[in-house]
Protein backbone atom coordinates (compact mmCIF):
# COMPACT_ATOMS: atom_id res chain seq x y z
CA MET A 1 -32.22 60.65 25.24
CA LEU A 2 -32.41 58.29 28.16
CA GLY A 3 -29.72 59.84 30.36
CA THR A 4 -26.09 59.08 31.02
CA ARG A 5 -24.46 55.91 29.76
CA SER A 6 -24.23 54.49 33.27
CA CYS A 7 -27.99 55.05 33.67
CA GLN A 8 -28.56 53.45 30.28
CA ASN A 9 -26.51 50.40 31.22
CA ARG A 10 -28.49 50.08 34.47
CA GLU A 11 -31.74 50.20 32.48
CA LEU A 12 -30.42 47.47 30.20
CA THR A 13 -29.04 45.30 33.02
CA GLY A 14 -30.93 42.05 33.47
CA THR A 15 -32.44 39.15 31.56
CA TRP A 16 -34.75 40.00 28.66
CA VAL A 17 -37.08 37.32 27.25
CA ASN A 18 -38.19 37.51 23.62
CA GLU A 19 -41.93 38.17 23.26
CA VAL A 20 -42.29 35.81 20.29
CA ASP A 21 -40.06 32.95 21.48
CA SER A 22 -39.67 32.66 25.26
CA LEU A 23 -36.63 30.40 24.85
CA ALA A 24 -34.67 33.30 23.31
CA LYS A 25 -33.08 35.61 25.86
CA MET A 26 -30.62 38.48 25.99
CA ILE A 27 -28.69 39.04 29.21
CA PHE A 28 -26.89 42.32 29.90
CA PHE A 29 -24.63 42.99 32.89
CA LYS A 30 -22.24 45.92 33.16
CA ASN A 31 -20.71 46.06 29.65
CA LYS A 32 -21.18 42.34 28.88
CA PHE A 33 -23.94 40.52 27.00
CA TRP A 34 -25.03 36.93 26.42
CA SER A 35 -27.43 35.72 23.74
CA VAL A 36 -29.07 32.53 24.99
CA TYR A 37 -31.50 30.08 23.45
CA ASP A 38 -33.04 27.60 25.88
CA GLN A 39 -29.96 26.69 27.95
CA ASP A 40 -27.38 27.26 25.19
CA THR A 41 -25.23 30.38 24.93
CA LEU A 42 -25.26 31.39 21.26
CA SER A 43 -22.89 34.34 21.63
CA GLN A 44 -21.31 36.49 24.27
CA GLY A 45 -19.17 39.55 24.33
CA THR A 46 -19.25 43.21 25.18
CA PHE A 47 -21.67 45.95 24.29
CA LYS A 48 -21.50 49.70 23.99
CA TRP A 49 -24.44 52.12 24.19
CA MET A 50 -24.10 54.89 21.60
CA ASN A 51 -26.09 58.03 20.80
CA TYR A 52 -25.32 57.84 17.07
CA SER A 53 -25.49 55.10 14.47
CA CYS A 54 -22.95 52.33 14.90
CA ASP A 55 -23.74 51.05 11.39
CA THR A 56 -22.97 53.74 8.83
CA THR A 57 -23.77 51.35 5.96
CA PHE A 58 -27.48 51.88 6.60
CA LEU A 59 -27.63 55.12 8.61
CA GLU A 60 -25.38 58.14 8.66
CA LYS A 61 -23.30 58.53 11.80
CA LYS A 62 -24.87 61.94 12.36
CA VAL A 63 -28.29 60.31 12.95
CA LYS A 64 -28.96 60.98 16.62
CA ALA A 65 -30.74 58.07 18.26
CA ASP A 66 -29.88 55.34 20.75
CA PHE A 67 -27.95 52.30 19.52
CA ILE A 68 -26.19 49.34 21.08
CA LEU A 69 -23.14 47.82 19.46
CA LEU A 70 -22.66 44.16 20.36
CA LYS A 71 -19.13 42.85 19.94
CA ASP A 72 -18.31 39.17 19.89
CA GLU A 73 -16.48 37.66 16.90
CA TYR A 74 -18.55 40.18 14.90
CA GLU A 75 -19.83 43.69 15.50
CA THR A 76 -23.62 43.98 15.33
CA CYS A 77 -25.54 47.23 15.54
CA TYR A 78 -29.08 47.60 16.91
CA GLU A 79 -31.16 50.76 17.10
CA ILE A 80 -32.98 51.04 20.41
CA SER A 81 -36.63 51.63 19.51
CA GLY A 82 -37.72 51.83 23.12
CA ILE A 83 -36.78 50.81 26.63
CA THR A 84 -38.69 50.92 29.90
CA ASP A 85 -38.19 49.06 33.15
CA SER A 86 -40.09 46.10 31.64
CA ILE A 87 -39.85 46.30 27.82
CA LEU A 88 -36.85 46.44 25.46
CA ALA A 89 -37.38 46.92 21.73
CA TYR A 90 -34.52 47.15 19.28
CA ARG A 91 -34.16 46.97 15.51
CA PHE A 92 -31.37 45.15 13.71
CA THR A 93 -30.04 47.86 11.40
CA LYS A 94 -29.13 45.52 8.51
CA SER A 95 -32.52 43.82 8.21
CA GLY A 96 -34.83 46.30 9.89
CA LYS A 97 -36.27 43.44 11.97
CA LEU A 98 -37.72 44.56 15.28
CA HIS A 99 -37.03 42.45 18.38
CA VAL A 100 -39.18 42.98 21.47
CA PHE A 101 -38.27 41.59 24.89
CA LYS A 102 -39.86 41.62 28.33
CA LYS A 103 -37.63 41.94 31.38
CA ARG A 104 -37.64 38.86 33.55
CA VAL A 105 -38.37 39.71 37.17
CA GLU A 106 -35.88 37.92 39.38
């Protein structure tokens, strides 16, 4: 576990740039998120950090791991594979695709 939710949100706070495509970014601030490509906002909404699966279609709720649930017009669940002060890796639970981001230093 990475600590309390407020600590987790602080770790997530900032702009994260996709390692494969530097035009793709995720921005997290407080409980809000923005998915941005180049200068266009693709989606925005709220997020919730959870210590159990937010997608019980693919994982049982009793699976203890770190997840983020993004809520815009849809609800999308990602399993946090790892987070440091400079790297964020999460896996889309439906496809299993891993996304890796580097934190942009402001």
